Amino acid sequence: MRVRRDLLLFGLLAVSALAAGGWLLSQRSGSAVEAYQGEVKARGGPGVAAPAEAFRATLCEAGRCVLVEAGGLAFLFGAGEGAAESLGDLRLVRADVDLVLVPDLDLDSVAGLPGFARAARRAGRGEPLKVNGPDGLVAVVDGANLLASADQAVRLQVGLDGVDEGLAGRIVFDSGVVAIRVFRSDDGRGRVYRVDFDDKSLVLAGCRAGPETILAAIRGARMAAGILSSGSTALARGTQRCLDVSETLDVAAQGKLAAALVVPDTAKAAHAAWRELIAARPETKAELGLGGMQVDLTGDRPVVRN
C-alpha cells in the first residue's frame, strides 16, 4: 500500500509538534535498463543475500533509494515514496538491512520509511530497523512508526553518530570489515555517506549535499566510486534544491572518482537531455543513473552495469 504524501507529512508534523516543539514546521527507463531489470528479477526469491565478497549498489526505479551490499551486509540509502515497491520489483527487499542512511529530511528521502519497515517485516525481519540521519530525525522516525503499524516488530530506531574524527568524518557503522562514515554539511541539513570495504569506497550524496562535503567524503578513500544526486538549472530553471549537474560533474572530476552515477531529480521525459549533459564531460567517468542500474566495486575497478 502506497503511503499518501500528505498523510505522511501530517504525521511527521504532528509528532514533531509533540516531540520537537514544532521543528518540522520549518521544513516545509531505455531498453538496456529494462533488460537489466529483467535479469535481476530472474535471479530468484526476494531478499537473496549477496556473496560475502560482493560490493555493489543498486539504484531503485522509484523512491530515491540505493541498496548497498558489502561484505554480506546490506544498507539502504534514502527511502522516498515507493522505495519498498521498487526494491520489491528488483527482488531486493532484504530482511537483514543493517542500517538505513538518510541524507536529509526532505520527503523525497523519508516518505518511504513506513512502507520499507512493513516490507522488511513481511520479508521476515523481527527486530527494529536502525536509521541514521540529520538532526530532527527522531521526530521523523516517530511519525513513520505511527504510520507503519501498531505491531511493535515493525519499528524504526534512530542510529546515533559515532565519535567525531575531524576530517575523517564520523563512523556510524563498523562491523570490523565494513565501515560507514558520515560527512555533514555546515548547515546540518545534508549528509554524505561513505561505505568502505576491501580497500574501496562508495560515496553516496543526496540533494542537500554541497561540493565541499562530497569532496570531504572522497578524501581518504583509496579507490572511490560515487552515486550523486543532482538537479539542472538548464532543464528546470529556478526550481532546483539539488546541486546543479555541472557542479556535480566538477566534484566527480576533482575527486577523481573511478566511476560515478549521477541521479537526476527531473522527470523521466528529461532523461535524453540529462544523458547529453553528462556525456559532454567524458573526463568525469560519470553516467546517468537510472533505476535498476548498479555500481559494482567487487573487482579491481568499479564497473557500472546497465
Protein backbone atom coordinates (compact mmCIF):
# COMPACT_ATOMS: atom_id res chain seq x y z
CA MET A 1 0.00 0.00 0.00
CA ARG A 2 1.44 3.34 -1.04
CA VAL A 3 1.64 5.99 1.62
CA ARG A 4 -0.07 9.24 0.72
CA ARG A 5 2.46 12.08 0.83
CA ASP A 6 0.00 14.40 2.53
CA LEU A 7 -0.77 11.78 5.20
CA LEU A 8 2.91 11.19 5.95
CA LEU A 9 3.57 14.91 6.10
CA PHE A 10 0.69 15.32 8.51
CA GLY A 11 2.07 12.52 10.69
CA LEU A 12 5.55 13.99 10.69
CA LEU A 13 4.25 17.43 11.58
CA ALA A 14 2.06 16.10 14.38
CA VAL A 15 4.79 14.05 16.02
CA SER A 16 7.28 16.85 15.58
CA ALA A 17 4.99 19.27 17.38
CA LEU A 18 4.84 16.89 20.32
CA ALA A 19 8.46 15.68 20.35
CA ALA A 20 10.44 18.57 18.94
CA GLY A 21 8.50 21.71 19.57
CA GLY A 22 7.27 22.15 16.03
CA TRP A 23 10.66 21.54 14.38
CA LEU A 24 9.17 20.18 11.18
CA LEU A 25 7.10 23.29 10.66
CA SER A 26 10.26 24.97 9.43
CA GLN A 27 10.86 22.25 6.77
CA ARG A 28 8.14 22.77 4.79
CA SER A 29 13.81 3.69 -18.40
CA GLY A 30 15.80 2.60 -22.10
CA SER A 31 15.96 -0.95 -23.34
CA ALA A 32 19.29 -1.60 -21.60
CA VAL A 33 17.76 -0.69 -18.24
CA GLU A 34 14.71 -2.90 -18.86
CA ALA A 35 16.97 -5.79 -19.85
CA TYR A 36 18.98 -5.38 -16.66
CA GLN A 37 15.86 -5.26 -14.52
CA GLY A 38 14.65 -8.46 -16.18
CA GLU A 39 17.95 -10.13 -15.34
CA VAL A 40 17.66 -9.04 -11.69
CA LYS A 41 14.09 -10.33 -11.43
CA ALA A 42 15.20 -13.74 -12.75
CA ARG A 43 17.80 -14.24 -10.03
CA GLY A 44 15.46 -15.86 -7.53
CA GLY A 45 13.39 -15.06 -4.49
CA PRO A 46 13.27 -11.70 -2.74
CA GLY A 47 15.90 -10.79 -0.24
CA VAL A 48 18.62 -13.12 -1.51
CA ALA A 49 21.85 -12.09 0.19
CA ALA A 50 24.81 -11.10 -1.97
CA PRO A 51 28.03 -13.16 -1.73
CA ALA A 52 30.31 -12.12 1.12
CA GLU A 53 32.93 -10.77 -1.31
CA ALA A 54 30.43 -8.61 -3.23
CA PHE A 55 30.46 -4.82 -3.03
CA ARG A 56 27.69 -3.28 -5.12
CA ALA A 57 24.99 -0.65 -5.08
CA THR A 58 21.69 -0.84 -6.99
CA LEU A 59 19.50 2.16 -7.79
CA CYS A 60 15.78 1.95 -7.16
CA GLU A 61 13.46 2.64 -10.08
CA ALA A 62 11.48 4.94 -7.82
CA GLY A 63 11.63 6.28 -4.32
CA ARG A 64 15.11 7.82 -4.41
CA CYS A 65 16.90 4.91 -2.80
CA VAL A 66 20.01 2.79 -3.24
CA LEU A 67 20.54 -0.70 -1.84
CA VAL A 68 24.20 -1.17 -0.93
CA GLU A 69 25.55 -4.69 -0.40
CA ALA A 70 29.04 -5.09 1.01
CA GLY A 71 30.76 -7.96 2.79
CA GLY A 72 27.49 -9.85 3.14
CA LEU A 73 25.81 -6.86 4.80
CA ALA A 74 23.10 -4.59 3.38
CA PHE A 75 22.32 -0.89 3.75
CA LEU A 76 19.60 1.33 2.33
CA PHE A 77 20.46 4.88 1.29
CA GLY A 78 17.40 7.11 1.10
CA ALA A 79 13.78 5.97 1.33
CA GLY A 80 11.49 8.09 -0.80
CA GLU A 81 7.87 7.21 -1.53
CA GLY A 82 7.68 3.92 -3.42
CA ALA A 83 11.09 2.68 -2.25
CA ALA A 84 9.75 -0.64 -0.93
CA GLU A 85 7.75 -1.33 -4.10
CA SER A 86 10.76 -0.51 -6.27
CA LEU A 87 13.05 -2.79 -4.30
CA GLY A 88 10.37 -5.49 -4.45
CA ASP A 89 10.25 -5.24 -8.26
CA LEU A 90 14.01 -5.76 -8.31
CA ARG A 91 13.74 -8.62 -5.79
CA LEU A 92 15.98 -6.70 -3.44
CA VAL A 93 13.84 -6.35 -0.31
CA ARG A 94 16.21 -7.58 2.38
CA ALA A 95 15.03 -8.51 5.86
CA ASP A 96 18.59 -8.15 7.14
CA VAL A 97 19.26 -4.50 6.27
CA ASP A 98 21.78 -3.32 8.84
CA LEU A 99 21.16 0.43 8.63
CA VAL A 100 19.09 2.95 6.68
CA LEU A 101 21.09 6.05 5.75
CA VAL A 102 19.03 9.22 5.38
CA PRO A 103 20.89 12.07 3.61
CA ASP A 104 18.33 14.75 4.53
CA LEU A 105 14.81 15.08 5.92
CA ASP A 106 13.05 16.05 2.69
CA LEU A 107 10.03 13.91 1.82
CA ASP A 108 11.98 12.56 -1.17
CA SER A 109 14.30 10.89 1.34
CA VAL A 110 11.94 9.78 4.11
CA ALA A 111 8.39 9.29 2.74
CA GLY A 112 9.03 5.59 2.10
CA LEU A 113 10.25 4.70 5.59
CA PRO A 114 6.90 3.27 6.82
CA GLY A 115 6.49 1.19 3.67
CA PHE A 116 10.02 -0.15 3.88
CA ALA A 117 9.56 -1.07 7.54
CA ARG A 118 6.45 -3.08 6.62
CA ALA A 119 8.20 -4.73 3.65
CA ALA A 120 11.15 -5.76 5.81
CA ARG A 121 8.74 -7.24 8.34
CA ARG A 122 6.95 -9.23 5.61
CA ALA A 123 10.34 -10.47 4.40
CA GLY A 124 10.99 -11.89 7.87
CA ARG A 125 12.57 -9.14 9.91
CA GLY A 126 11.84 -9.47 13.61
CA GLU A 127 13.80 -6.62 15.15
CA PRO A 128 13.74 -2.82 14.86
CA LEU A 129 15.43 -1.23 11.85
CA LYS A 130 18.02 1.44 12.65
CA VAL A 131 18.00 4.74 10.74
CA ASN A 132 20.81 7.30 10.71
CA GLY A 133 20.21 10.86 9.58
CA PRO A 134 20.38 14.60 10.32
CA ASP A 135 19.23 16.44 13.42
CA GLY A 136 15.46 16.19 13.71
CA LEU A 137 15.40 12.52 12.68
CA VAL A 138 13.78 11.49 15.97
CA ALA A 139 10.55 13.28 15.07
CA VAL A 140 10.55 11.76 11.57
CA VAL A 141 11.12 8.23 12.90
CA ASP A 142 8.33 8.67 15.47
CA GLY A 143 5.96 9.76 12.69
CA ALA A 144 7.00 6.87 10.44
CA ASN A 145 6.44 4.39 13.27
CA LEU A 146 2.93 5.73 13.79
CA LEU A 147 2.17 5.18 10.12
CA ALA A 148 3.97 1.85 9.72
CA SER A 149 1.98 -0.39 12.05
CA ALA A 150 0.77 -0.99 15.58
CA ASP A 151 2.93 -4.14 15.53
CA GLN A 152 5.96 -3.49 17.72
CA ALA A 153 8.04 -5.69 15.40
CA VAL A 154 7.57 -3.16 12.61
CA ARG A 155 9.67 -0.44 14.16
CA LEU A 156 12.33 2.06 13.23
CA GLN A 157 15.03 3.20 15.64
CA VAL A 158 17.40 6.14 15.46
CA GLY A 159 21.03 5.10 14.97
CA LEU A 160 23.38 7.67 16.50
CA ASP A 161 26.55 9.13 15.01
CA GLY A 162 29.84 7.95 16.42
CA VAL A 163 32.79 9.98 17.67
CA ASP A 164 33.77 12.96 15.55
CA GLU A 165 37.09 12.18 13.83
CA GLY A 166 37.51 15.59 12.24
CA LEU A 167 38.37 15.43 8.54
CA ALA A 168 37.70 11.68 8.62
CA GLY A 169 34.03 12.25 9.48
CA ARG A 170 32.07 10.20 11.97
CA ILE A 171 31.77 6.42 11.93
CA VAL A 172 28.10 5.43 12.05
CA PHE A 173 28.67 1.71 11.40
CA ASP A 174 31.67 -0.60 11.77
CA SER A 175 31.50 -4.37 11.52
CA GLY A 176 35.27 -4.73 11.58
CA VAL A 177 35.13 -5.42 7.83
CA VAL A 178 32.64 -2.85 6.51
CA ALA A 179 32.64 0.71 7.84
CA ILE A 180 30.37 3.65 7.07
CA ARG A 181 31.36 7.25 7.71
CA VAL A 182 29.13 10.30 7.56
CA PHE A 183 30.22 13.79 6.50
CA ARG A 184 27.84 16.56 7.47
CA SER A 185 27.22 19.84 5.66
CA ASP A 186 27.90 23.07 7.53
CA ASP A 187 24.18 23.84 7.87
CA GLY A 188 23.50 20.33 9.24
CA ARG A 189 20.73 19.64 6.72
CA GLY A 190 22.62 17.45 4.27
CA ARG A 191 24.79 14.36 4.72
CA VAL A 192 27.20 12.41 2.57
CA TYR A 193 27.91 8.78 3.46
CA ARG A 194 30.99 6.74 2.54
CA VAL A 195 30.91 2.94 2.66
CA ASP A 196 34.39 1.39 2.97
CA PHE A 197 35.07 -2.26 2.20
CA ASP A 198 38.04 -4.18 0.82
CA ASP A 199 40.17 -1.04 0.23
CA LYS A 200 37.42 0.53 -1.90
CA SER A 201 34.80 3.14 -1.14
CA LEU A 202 31.34 4.16 -2.31
CA VAL A 203 30.30 7.77 -1.77
CA LEU A 204 26.55 8.45 -1.54
CA ALA A 205 25.30 12.03 -1.74
CA GLY A 206 21.74 13.34 -1.62
CA CYS A 207 20.32 16.60 -2.92
CA ARG A 208 21.28 18.69 0.10
CA ALA A 209 24.97 17.81 -0.09
CA GLY A 210 27.36 20.59 -1.07
CA PRO A 211 30.51 20.09 -3.17
CA GLU A 212 32.80 20.59 -0.17
CA THR A 213 31.03 17.86 1.79
CA ILE A 214 31.19 15.41 -1.13
CA LEU A 215 34.89 16.09 -1.63
CA ALA A 216 35.49 15.65 2.11
CA ALA A 217 33.94 12.19 1.86
CA ILE A 218 36.11 11.27 -1.12
CA ARG A 219 39.33 12.28 0.64
CA GLY A 220 40.97 9.38 2.38
CA ALA A 221 39.40 6.79 0.08
CA ARG A 222 41.96 4.62 -1.70
CA MET A 223 39.64 3.96 -4.64
CA ALA A 224 36.22 5.55 -4.78
CA ALA A 225 33.04 5.43 -6.86
CA GLY A 226 30.03 7.64 -6.30
CA ILE A 227 26.26 7.88 -6.59
CA LEU A 228 25.44 11.58 -6.58
CA SER A 229 22.02 13.25 -6.72
CA SER A 230 21.79 16.29 -8.97
CA GLY A 231 19.48 18.95 -10.37
CA SER A 232 19.83 21.00 -13.55
CA THR A 233 19.27 24.70 -13.97
CA ALA A 234 19.48 24.08 -17.73
CA LEU A 235 16.39 21.84 -17.62
CA ALA A 236 14.43 23.32 -14.72
CA ARG A 237 15.45 26.89 -14.01
CA GLY A 238 14.73 28.39 -10.63
CA THR A 239 13.30 25.25 -9.05
CA GLN A 240 16.39 23.30 -8.04
CA ARG A 241 17.33 22.41 -4.49
CA CYS A 242 19.90 19.84 -5.66
CA LEU A 243 23.46 20.65 -6.60
CA ASP A 244 23.45 21.57 -10.30
CA VAL A 245 24.67 18.86 -12.68
CA SER A 246 27.64 21.00 -13.78
CA GLU A 247 28.79 21.29 -10.16
CA THR A 248 28.17 17.59 -9.60
CA LEU A 249 30.37 16.70 -12.56
CA ASP A 250 33.05 19.10 -11.32
CA VAL A 251 33.05 17.26 -7.98
CA ALA A 252 33.34 13.87 -9.72
CA ALA A 253 36.33 15.18 -11.70
CA GLN A 254 38.03 16.89 -8.76
CA GLY A 255 37.56 13.84 -6.58
CA LYS A 256 38.87 11.57 -9.37
CA LEU A 257 36.04 9.12 -8.89
CA ALA A 258 36.77 5.86 -10.72
CA ALA A 259 33.08 5.67 -11.67
CA ALA A 260 30.01 7.71 -10.88
CA LEU A 261 26.25 7.61 -11.39
CA VAL A 262 24.55 11.00 -11.47
CA VAL A 263 20.92 10.61 -10.42
CA PRO A 264 18.61 13.36 -11.78
CA ASP A 265 15.72 14.88 -9.87
CA THR A 266 13.69 15.68 -13.01
CA ALA A 267 11.02 13.64 -14.79
CA LYS A 268 11.85 10.61 -16.93
CA ALA A 269 10.96 12.62 -20.02
CA ALA A 270 14.14 14.62 -19.48
CA HIS A 271 16.47 11.60 -19.45
CA ALA A 272 17.68 12.16 -23.03
CA ALA A 273 18.64 15.73 -22.15
CA TRP A 274 20.30 14.55 -18.93
CA ARG A 275 22.31 11.99 -20.88
CA GLU A 276 23.54 14.75 -23.19
CA LEU A 277 24.59 16.96 -20.29
CA ILE A 278 26.60 14.18 -18.66
CA ALA A 279 28.10 12.81 -21.89
CA ALA A 280 29.54 16.27 -22.61
CA ARG A 281 32.02 15.69 -19.76
CA PRO A 282 33.62 12.28 -20.52
CA GLU A 283 36.61 13.02 -18.27
CA THR A 284 34.35 12.71 -15.22
CA LYS A 285 33.71 8.99 -15.89
CA ALA A 286 30.10 9.68 -14.91
CA GLU A 287 26.94 8.13 -16.32
CA LEU A 288 23.25 8.90 -16.00
CA GLY A 289 21.86 6.90 -13.08
CA LEU A 290 18.52 5.19 -13.82
CA GLY A 291 16.50 2.67 -11.85
CA GLY A 292 18.00 -0.81 -11.81
CA MET A 293 21.50 0.38 -12.67
CA GLN A 294 24.33 -0.78 -10.48
CA VAL A 295 27.79 0.30 -9.42
CA ASP A 296 29.83 -2.85 -8.80
CA LEU A 297 33.04 -2.42 -6.82
CA THR A 298 33.68 -6.14 -6.35
CA GLY A 299 36.56 -6.38 -8.84
CA ASP A 300 39.78 -4.44 -9.29
CA ARG A 301 37.97 -1.36 -10.61
CA PRO A 302 34.39 -0.10 -10.17
CA VAL A 303 32.07 -1.03 -13.03
CA VAL A 304 28.71 0.50 -13.93
CA ARG A 305 26.20 -2.12 -15.04
CA ASN A 306 23.14 -1.19 -17.13
